[in-house]
Structure formats: C-alpha cells, structure tokens
Amino acid sequence: MMEVEAAKILWSRYVDKFKLKYTTFVGDRDSKAYNQVCEIEPYGADYLVYKEECMNHVSKRLGTALRNLVADCSKRGITLGGRGRGRLTASSIHKLCIYFSRAIRGNKSAADMRKAIFASLYHCYSTDEHPQHQYMYCPSGENSWCF
C-alpha cells in the first residue's frame, strides 16, 4: 500500500508546484499503483497516463517462468535438454535472461529484437554434435559472437 500512496502523491503534486505532468508510468506488470494513478486522474479525464514495463521486471519474469517450467517437468520425470550437457540449468537460465535483456535493449525494432532473442536461444541450445546456428538468426560480420 505504501507504493500506491507514494505514486498518488507524486503524480498529483508536481502539477501544482512545478506545472509538470508525467506522461508514462514505469512499473511492473502487476502494479496496483498504476491502477490507482489512473483512477485519481491527476491531470483530468482527457489526459491518458501510459504504462511502460521495466525491462528488469520482464527479464525477471522470463527467468521465473523457465525455473517454474523446469520444476514442473522434473515433477513429471522430464529433464529439459537431456541429462547431460545442454540441459536447462540455473546457470543456463541466468544466461538466457541476460541475453534476452541485451536483445531487447540493443535493438530498435520488434523484428530485430525477435531475431536477436532467437539467435541467443539457438546459440545456447547448440552443441558440437548438433549445431543449432540458424543462419537467418545468427549475427554476421567481424563483431559477431557466433562463429
């Protein structure tokens, strides 16, 4: 509740004091503060407040979803990626979250983000015996991390 009250105060006080209006609310997906700010309509009914999700929260949700998937599959006796090298472990989930964040931050268009996300996924999934370097996803050039 403290976050909700703080957001309501912040969004309403700067109009009077500095003639400043915020346009975008940055928060996590289940933020109750955003809903409360929209309800109080700090700038009137005609002024919309847009919500952007924090990249760190998005990456965190990816890691949580993958860890939950591994836990659910292990309860059913399924090992994702096999039993040896290439299986989905805590360290590989951590790497995927980092690569995911870099792909989102480092690209301007949604198509480029998608391509970078799939490139990192296939690259991590690849082994010497079964290479998964899909050339339509892997970056090219001398600065490429895929070789």
N, C-alpha and C. Protein backbone atom coordinates (compact mmCIF):
# COMPACT_ATOMS: atom_id res chain seq x y z
N MET A 1 0.81 -1.20 0.00
CA MET A 1 0.00 0.00 0.00
C MET A 1 0.85 1.26 0.00
N MET A 2 2.06 1.14 0.53
CA MET A 2 2.92 2.31 0.60
C MET A 2 3.29 2.80 -0.81
N GLU A 3 3.54 1.85 -1.71
CA GLU A 3 3.87 2.21 -3.09
C GLU A 3 2.69 2.92 -3.76
N VAL A 4 1.49 2.46 -3.49
CA VAL A 4 0.29 3.06 -4.07
C VAL A 4 0.13 4.50 -3.60
N GLU A 5 0.27 4.71 -2.31
CA GLU A 5 0.11 6.06 -1.75
C GLU A 5 1.20 7.00 -2.27
N ALA A 6 2.44 6.49 -2.36
CA ALA A 6 3.54 7.32 -2.87
C ALA A 6 3.30 7.72 -4.31
N ALA A 7 2.81 6.80 -5.13
CA ALA A 7 2.55 7.10 -6.53
C ALA A 7 1.45 8.15 -6.67
N LYS A 8 0.41 8.04 -5.87
CA LYS A 8 -0.67 9.03 -5.93
C LYS A 8 -0.17 10.42 -5.56
N ILE A 9 0.68 10.49 -4.54
CA ILE A 9 1.24 11.79 -4.13
C ILE A 9 2.13 12.36 -5.22
N LEU A 10 3.04 11.53 -5.75
CA LEU A 10 3.98 12.00 -6.78
C LEU A 10 3.27 12.49 -8.03
N TRP A 11 2.26 11.75 -8.45
CA TRP A 11 1.58 12.09 -9.70
C TRP A 11 0.68 13.32 -9.57
N SER A 12 0.32 13.68 -8.36
CA SER A 12 -0.57 14.84 -8.23
C SER A 12 0.12 16.11 -7.76
N ARG A 13 1.24 16.03 -7.10
CA ARG A 13 1.82 17.23 -6.52
C ARG A 13 2.62 18.10 -7.48
N TYR A 14 3.20 17.53 -8.52
CA TYR A 14 4.06 18.32 -9.40
C TYR A 14 3.28 19.24 -10.34
N VAL A 15 2.03 18.99 -10.52
CA VAL A 15 1.22 19.89 -11.36
C VAL A 15 1.10 21.24 -10.68
N ASP A 16 0.78 21.24 -9.41
CA ASP A 16 0.62 22.49 -8.68
C ASP A 16 1.95 23.19 -8.43
N LYS A 17 2.93 22.42 -8.04
CA LYS A 17 4.20 23.00 -7.62
C LYS A 17 5.08 23.46 -8.78
N PHE A 18 5.21 22.61 -9.83
CA PHE A 18 6.15 22.91 -10.93
C PHE A 18 5.50 23.00 -12.30
N LYS A 19 4.19 22.84 -12.36
CA LYS A 19 3.47 22.81 -13.65
C LYS A 19 4.03 21.67 -14.54
N LEU A 20 4.32 20.56 -13.91
CA LEU A 20 4.91 19.40 -14.58
C LEU A 20 3.90 18.27 -14.62
N LYS A 21 3.78 17.62 -15.79
CA LYS A 21 2.90 16.47 -15.93
C LYS A 21 3.72 15.28 -16.42
N TYR A 22 3.57 14.17 -15.73
CA TYR A 22 4.19 12.93 -16.17
C TYR A 22 3.35 12.34 -17.30
N THR A 23 3.98 11.65 -18.22
CA THR A 23 3.24 11.03 -19.31
C THR A 23 3.26 9.50 -19.23
N THR A 24 4.30 8.94 -18.64
CA THR A 24 4.48 7.50 -18.66
C THR A 24 4.76 6.97 -17.26
N PHE A 25 4.07 5.92 -16.90
CA PHE A 25 4.26 5.24 -15.63
C PHE A 25 5.14 4.03 -15.89
N VAL A 26 6.27 3.93 -15.23
CA VAL A 26 7.17 2.79 -15.39
C VAL A 26 7.03 1.91 -14.16
N GLY A 27 6.64 0.66 -14.38
CA GLY A 27 6.43 -0.24 -13.26
C GLY A 27 6.41 -1.68 -13.71
N ASP A 28 6.09 -2.55 -12.76
CA ASP A 28 5.99 -3.95 -13.12
C ASP A 28 4.57 -4.28 -13.56
N ARG A 29 4.39 -5.48 -14.02
CA ARG A 29 3.13 -5.88 -14.65
C ARG A 29 1.94 -5.79 -13.71
N ASP A 30 2.13 -6.20 -12.47
CA ASP A 30 1.00 -6.26 -11.54
C ASP A 30 0.96 -5.06 -10.59
N SER A 31 1.42 -3.94 -11.05
CA SER A 31 1.48 -2.75 -10.20
C SER A 31 0.09 -2.20 -9.91
N LYS A 32 -0.27 -2.17 -8.64
CA LYS A 32 -1.54 -1.59 -8.22
C LYS A 32 -1.46 -0.07 -8.24
N ALA A 33 -0.23 0.45 -8.16
CA ALA A 33 -0.04 1.90 -8.16
C ALA A 33 -0.51 2.51 -9.48
N TYR A 34 -0.25 1.84 -10.59
CA TYR A 34 -0.68 2.36 -11.89
C TYR A 34 -2.21 2.48 -11.94
N ASN A 35 -2.89 1.47 -11.47
CA ASN A 35 -4.36 1.49 -11.47
C ASN A 35 -4.89 2.64 -10.62
N GLN A 36 -4.26 2.87 -9.48
CA GLN A 36 -4.70 3.96 -8.61
C GLN A 36 -4.45 5.33 -9.24
N VAL A 37 -3.30 5.48 -9.90
CA VAL A 37 -3.00 6.75 -10.57
C VAL A 37 -4.03 7.01 -11.67
N CYS A 38 -4.40 5.98 -12.40
CA CYS A 38 -5.43 6.15 -13.44
C CYS A 38 -6.78 6.50 -12.84
N GLU A 39 -7.09 5.93 -11.68
CA GLU A 39 -8.38 6.22 -11.03
C GLU A 39 -8.49 7.66 -10.55
N ILE A 40 -7.40 8.21 -10.01
CA ILE A 40 -7.49 9.57 -9.48
C ILE A 40 -7.44 10.63 -10.59
N GLU A 41 -7.07 10.20 -11.80
CA GLU A 41 -6.98 11.10 -12.96
C GLU A 41 -6.30 12.42 -12.57
N PRO A 42 -4.98 12.36 -12.33
CA PRO A 42 -4.29 13.55 -11.80
C PRO A 42 -4.33 14.76 -12.73
N TYR A 43 -4.51 14.56 -14.03
CA TYR A 43 -4.50 15.67 -14.98
C TYR A 43 -5.84 15.83 -15.69
N GLY A 44 -6.86 15.18 -15.20
CA GLY A 44 -8.17 15.26 -15.81
C GLY A 44 -8.50 14.01 -16.61
N ALA A 45 -9.76 13.87 -16.97
CA ALA A 45 -10.23 12.66 -17.67
C ALA A 45 -9.71 12.57 -19.10
N ASP A 46 -9.35 13.69 -19.70
CA ASP A 46 -8.89 13.68 -21.10
C ASP A 46 -7.42 13.34 -21.25
N TYR A 47 -6.66 13.32 -20.17
CA TYR A 47 -5.22 13.10 -20.22
C TYR A 47 -4.92 11.66 -19.84
N LEU A 48 -4.40 10.87 -20.77
CA LEU A 48 -4.11 9.46 -20.51
C LEU A 48 -2.69 9.29 -19.98
N VAL A 49 -2.56 8.39 -19.04
CA VAL A 49 -1.26 8.01 -18.50
C VAL A 49 -0.90 6.66 -19.11
N TYR A 50 0.27 6.59 -19.74
CA TYR A 50 0.70 5.36 -20.40
C TYR A 50 1.60 4.57 -19.46
N LYS A 51 1.53 3.25 -19.60
CA LYS A 51 2.33 2.39 -18.75
C LYS A 51 3.40 1.70 -19.57
N GLU A 52 4.61 1.76 -19.10
CA GLU A 52 5.74 1.03 -19.68
C GLU A 52 6.24 0.06 -18.63
N GLU A 53 6.60 -1.11 -19.08
CA GLU A 53 7.08 -2.10 -18.14
C GLU A 53 8.60 -2.03 -18.06
N CYS A 54 9.11 -2.12 -16.87
CA CYS A 54 10.55 -2.06 -16.62
C CYS A 54 11.20 -3.31 -17.23
N MET A 55 12.28 -3.11 -17.97
CA MET A 55 12.97 -4.22 -18.63
C MET A 55 13.47 -5.25 -17.63
N ASN A 56 13.88 -4.81 -16.47
CA ASN A 56 14.37 -5.75 -15.46
C ASN A 56 13.25 -6.68 -14.99
N HIS A 57 12.03 -6.16 -14.89
CA HIS A 57 10.91 -7.00 -14.49
C HIS A 57 10.57 -8.02 -15.58
N VAL A 58 10.68 -7.61 -16.82
CA VAL A 58 10.39 -8.52 -17.93
C VAL A 58 11.40 -9.67 -17.93
N SER A 59 12.67 -9.34 -17.77
CA SER A 59 13.72 -10.35 -17.74
C SER A 59 13.55 -11.27 -16.53
N LYS A 60 13.18 -10.70 -15.40
CA LYS A 60 12.95 -11.49 -14.19
C LYS A 60 11.80 -12.48 -14.39
N ARG A 61 10.73 -12.03 -15.07
CA ARG A 61 9.60 -12.92 -15.34
C ARG A 61 10.00 -14.08 -16.24
N LEU A 62 10.89 -13.82 -17.21
CA LEU A 62 11.37 -14.89 -18.09
C LEU A 62 12.08 -15.95 -17.25
N GLY A 63 12.98 -15.51 -16.37
CA GLY A 63 13.70 -16.45 -15.51
C GLY A 63 12.78 -17.24 -14.62
N THR A 64 11.79 -16.57 -14.05
CA THR A 64 10.82 -17.24 -13.17
C THR A 64 10.02 -18.28 -13.95
N ALA A 65 9.60 -17.92 -15.15
CA ALA A 65 8.82 -18.86 -15.98
C ALA A 65 9.67 -20.09 -16.34
N LEU A 66 10.92 -19.87 -16.69
CA LEU A 66 11.79 -21.01 -17.04
C LEU A 66 12.07 -21.89 -15.82
N ARG A 67 12.32 -21.30 -14.66
CA ARG A 67 12.54 -22.09 -13.45
C ARG A 67 11.28 -22.88 -13.08
N ASN A 68 10.12 -22.27 -13.22
CA ASN A 68 8.86 -22.99 -12.95
C ASN A 68 8.66 -24.13 -13.94
N LEU A 69 9.03 -23.91 -15.20
CA LEU A 69 8.92 -24.97 -16.21
C LEU A 69 9.82 -26.15 -15.85
N VAL A 70 11.05 -25.87 -15.46
CA VAL A 70 11.98 -26.92 -15.06
C VAL A 70 11.43 -27.69 -13.86
N ALA A 71 10.89 -26.97 -12.87
CA ALA A 71 10.34 -27.62 -11.68
C ALA A 71 9.14 -28.50 -12.03
N ASP A 72 8.25 -27.98 -12.87
CA ASP A 72 7.08 -28.77 -13.26
C ASP A 72 7.48 -30.02 -14.04
N CYS A 73 8.43 -29.86 -14.94
CA CYS A 73 8.87 -31.01 -15.73
C CYS A 73 9.60 -32.03 -14.87
N SER A 74 10.39 -31.58 -13.91
CA SER A 74 11.11 -32.53 -13.05
C SER A 74 10.14 -33.33 -12.18
N LYS A 75 9.01 -32.74 -11.80
CA LYS A 75 8.00 -33.46 -11.03
C LYS A 75 7.40 -34.60 -11.86
N ARG A 76 7.36 -34.39 -13.18
CA ARG A 76 6.81 -35.42 -14.08
C ARG A 76 7.90 -36.35 -14.61
N GLY A 77 9.15 -36.16 -14.16
CA GLY A 77 10.24 -37.02 -14.57
C GLY A 77 10.85 -36.65 -15.91
N ILE A 78 10.61 -35.43 -16.36
CA ILE A 78 11.14 -34.96 -17.65
C ILE A 78 12.32 -34.03 -17.38
N THR A 79 13.44 -34.29 -18.07
CA THR A 79 14.59 -33.40 -17.96
C THR A 79 14.69 -32.60 -19.25
N LEU A 80 14.59 -31.31 -19.16
CA LEU A 80 14.64 -30.45 -20.34
C LEU A 80 16.05 -30.38 -20.89
N GLY A 81 16.20 -30.76 -22.14
CA GLY A 81 17.51 -30.71 -22.79
C GLY A 81 18.34 -31.96 -22.57
N GLY A 82 17.77 -33.00 -21.99
CA GLY A 82 18.52 -34.23 -21.76
C GLY A 82 19.11 -34.28 -20.37
N ARG A 83 19.96 -35.26 -20.17
CA ARG A 83 20.53 -35.46 -18.84
C ARG A 83 21.95 -34.90 -18.71
N GLY A 84 22.61 -34.70 -19.79
CA GLY A 84 23.99 -34.23 -19.73
C GLY A 84 24.11 -32.78 -20.15
N ARG A 85 25.09 -32.56 -20.99
CA ARG A 85 25.34 -31.22 -21.48
C ARG A 85 24.16 -30.73 -22.34
N GLY A 86 23.81 -29.48 -22.16
CA GLY A 86 22.72 -28.91 -22.94
C GLY A 86 21.40 -28.84 -22.20
N ARG A 87 21.36 -29.39 -20.99
CA ARG A 87 20.10 -29.35 -20.25
C ARG A 87 19.88 -27.95 -19.68
N LEU A 88 18.66 -27.69 -19.33
CA LEU A 88 18.28 -26.37 -18.82
C LEU A 88 18.57 -26.31 -17.33
N THR A 89 19.64 -25.62 -16.97
CA THR A 89 20.07 -25.50 -15.58
C THR A 89 19.89 -24.06 -15.11
N ALA A 90 20.15 -23.85 -13.83
CA ALA A 90 20.04 -22.50 -13.28
C ALA A 90 21.00 -21.54 -13.97
N SER A 91 22.21 -22.00 -14.28
CA SER A 91 23.18 -21.11 -14.94
C SER A 91 22.77 -20.81 -16.37
N SER A 92 22.20 -21.79 -17.07
CA SER A 92 21.77 -21.52 -18.45
C SER A 92 20.53 -20.60 -18.46
N ILE A 93 19.68 -20.72 -17.46
CA ILE A 93 18.53 -19.81 -17.34
C ILE A 93 19.03 -18.39 -17.09
N HIS A 94 20.03 -18.25 -16.23
CA HIS A 94 20.61 -16.94 -15.96
C HIS A 94 21.20 -16.33 -17.23
N LYS A 95 21.92 -17.13 -18.00
CA LYS A 95 22.49 -16.65 -19.27
C LYS A 95 21.39 -16.21 -20.24
N LEU A 96 20.34 -17.02 -20.35
CA LEU A 96 19.25 -16.67 -21.26
C LEU A 96 18.58 -15.36 -20.85
N CYS A 97 18.44 -15.12 -19.56
CA CYS A 97 17.85 -13.85 -19.09
C CYS A 97 18.74 -12.67 -19.46
N ILE A 98 20.04 -12.84 -19.32
CA ILE A 98 20.97 -11.76 -19.69
C ILE A 98 20.91 -11.51 -21.19
N TYR A 99 20.95 -12.58 -21.99
CA TYR A 99 20.89 -12.43 -23.45
C TYR A 99 19.57 -11.79 -23.89
N PHE A 100 18.48 -12.18 -23.22
CA PHE A 100 17.17 -11.62 -23.51
C PHE A 100 17.17 -10.11 -23.27
N SER A 101 17.70 -9.69 -22.12
CA SER A 101 17.76 -8.26 -21.81
C SER A 101 18.60 -7.51 -22.82
N ARG A 102 19.74 -8.08 -23.19
CA ARG A 102 20.61 -7.43 -24.19
C ARG A 102 19.92 -7.32 -25.54
N ALA A 103 19.17 -8.34 -25.91
CA ALA A 103 18.47 -8.32 -27.20
C ALA A 103 17.41 -7.22 -27.23
N ILE A 104 16.72 -7.05 -26.13
CA ILE A 104 15.68 -6.02 -26.06
C ILE A 104 16.31 -4.62 -26.05
N ARG A 105 17.34 -4.44 -25.23
CA ARG A 105 17.96 -3.12 -25.11
C ARG A 105 18.76 -2.73 -26.35
N GLY A 106 19.33 -3.70 -27.03
CA GLY A 106 20.26 -3.41 -28.13
C GLY A 106 19.63 -3.28 -29.49
N ASN A 107 18.33 -3.40 -29.61
CA ASN A 107 17.67 -3.34 -30.91
C ASN A 107 16.52 -2.36 -30.87
N LYS A 108 16.29 -1.72 -32.00
CA LYS A 108 15.25 -0.69 -32.08
C LYS A 108 13.88 -1.26 -32.46
N SER A 109 13.84 -2.18 -33.41
CA SER A 109 12.55 -2.67 -33.89
C SER A 109 12.21 -4.01 -33.25
N ALA A 110 10.93 -4.33 -33.23
CA ALA A 110 10.48 -5.60 -32.67
C ALA A 110 11.02 -6.78 -33.47
N ALA A 111 11.14 -6.63 -34.78
CA ALA A 111 11.67 -7.70 -35.62
C ALA A 111 13.14 -8.00 -35.28
N ASP A 112 13.91 -6.94 -35.07
CA ASP A 112 15.32 -7.13 -34.70
C ASP A 112 15.45 -7.74 -33.32
N MET A 113 14.57 -7.34 -32.40
CA MET A 113 14.58 -7.93 -31.06
C MET A 113 14.27 -9.42 -31.13
N ARG A 114 13.26 -9.76 -31.91
CA ARG A 114 12.87 -11.16 -32.06
C ARG A 114 14.01 -11.98 -32.63
N LYS A 115 14.66 -11.44 -33.65
CA LYS A 115 15.78 -12.14 -34.30
C LYS A 115 16.92 -12.35 -33.30
N ALA A 116 17.24 -11.34 -32.51
CA ALA A 116 18.32 -11.44 -31.53
C ALA A 116 17.97 -12.43 -30.41
N ILE A 117 16.71 -12.47 -30.00
CA ILE A 117 16.29 -13.41 -28.96
C ILE A 117 16.42 -14.84 -29.47
N PHE A 118 15.95 -15.10 -30.69
CA PHE A 118 16.06 -16.44 -31.24
C PHE A 118 17.51 -16.83 -31.50
N ALA A 119 18.34 -15.87 -31.90
CA ALA A 119 19.76 -16.16 -32.12
C ALA A 119 20.41 -16.63 -30.83
N SER A 120 20.14 -15.94 -29.73
CA SER A 120 20.74 -16.33 -28.46
C SER A 120 20.18 -17.67 -27.98
N LEU A 121 18.89 -17.91 -28.20
CA LEU A 121 18.29 -19.19 -27.80
C LEU A 121 18.91 -20.35 -28.56
N TYR A 122 18.98 -20.24 -29.89
CA TYR A 122 19.58 -21.31 -30.69
C TYR A 122 21.06 -21.48 -30.39
N HIS A 123 21.75 -20.38 -30.13
CA HIS A 123 23.17 -20.45 -29.83
C HIS A 123 23.41 -21.19 -28.51
N CYS A 124 22.60 -20.93 -27.51
CA CYS A 124 22.74 -21.62 -26.23
C CYS A 124 22.35 -23.10 -26.34
N TYR A 125 21.42 -23.39 -27.20
CA TYR A 125 20.93 -24.76 -27.38
C TYR A 125 21.88 -25.60 -28.21
N SER A 126 22.78 -24.97 -28.92
CA SER A 126 23.67 -25.64 -29.85
C SER A 126 24.77 -26.43 -29.14
N THR A 127 25.13 -27.56 -29.73
CA THR A 127 26.27 -28.35 -29.27
C THR A 127 27.13 -28.66 -30.49
N ASP A 128 28.32 -29.20 -30.26
CA ASP A 128 29.19 -29.58 -31.38
C ASP A 128 28.56 -30.70 -32.20
N GLU A 129 27.86 -31.62 -31.51
CA GLU A 129 27.23 -32.75 -32.21
C GLU A 129 25.99 -32.32 -32.97
N HIS A 130 25.26 -31.37 -32.43
CA HIS A 130 24.03 -30.88 -33.05
C HIS A 130 24.04 -29.35 -33.10
N PRO A 131 24.75 -28.78 -34.06
CA PRO A 131 24.80 -27.32 -34.13
C PRO A 131 23.43 -26.73 -34.46
N GLN A 132 23.09 -25.67 -33.78
CA GLN A 132 21.79 -25.01 -33.96
C GLN A 132 21.96 -23.56 -34.39
N HIS A 133 23.03 -23.27 -35.08
CA HIS A 133 23.29 -21.90 -35.51
C HIS A 133 22.49 -21.61 -36.77
N GLN A 134 21.27 -21.21 -36.55
CA GLN A 134 20.39 -20.89 -37.67
C GLN A 134 20.90 -19.60 -38.31
N TYR A 135 21.34 -19.70 -39.53
CA TYR A 135 22.00 -18.56 -40.18
C TYR A 135 21.07 -17.38 -40.40
N MET A 136 19.77 -17.63 -40.36
CA MET A 136 18.87 -16.49 -40.50
C MET A 136 18.77 -15.71 -39.19
N TYR A 137 19.22 -16.30 -38.08
CA TYR A 137 19.17 -15.61 -36.80
C TYR A 137 20.54 -15.12 -36.34
N CYS A 138 21.57 -15.92 -36.54
CA CYS A 138 22.89 -15.56 -36.02
C CYS A 138 23.41 -14.30 -36.70
N PRO A 139 24.01 -13.42 -35.91
CA PRO A 139 24.56 -12.19 -36.49
C PRO A 139 25.78 -12.49 -37.35
N SER A 140 26.02 -11.64 -38.32
CA SER A 140 27.15 -11.84 -39.20
C SER A 140 28.13 -10.68 -39.04
N GLY A 141 29.30 -10.83 -39.62
CA GLY A 141 30.29 -9.76 -39.57
C GLY A 141 31.41 -10.08 -38.61
N GLU A 142 32.39 -9.18 -38.58
CA GLU A 142 33.57 -9.44 -37.76
C GLU A 142 33.31 -9.30 -36.27
N ASN A 143 32.27 -8.59 -35.88
CA ASN A 143 31.93 -8.43 -34.46
C ASN A 143 30.91 -9.47 -33.97
N SER A 144 30.63 -10.45 -34.79
CA SER A 144 29.65 -11.46 -34.41
C SER A 144 30.18 -12.33 -33.26
N TRP A 145 29.29 -12.65 -32.33
CA TRP A 145 29.66 -13.54 -31.24
C TRP A 145 29.41 -15.00 -31.61
N CYS A 146 28.82 -15.23 -32.76
CA CYS A 146 28.53 -16.59 -33.22
C CYS A 146 29.55 -16.98 -34.29
N PHE A 147 30.30 -18.01 -34.04
CA PHE A 147 31.34 -18.41 -35.00
C PHE A 147 31.26 -19.87 -35.35
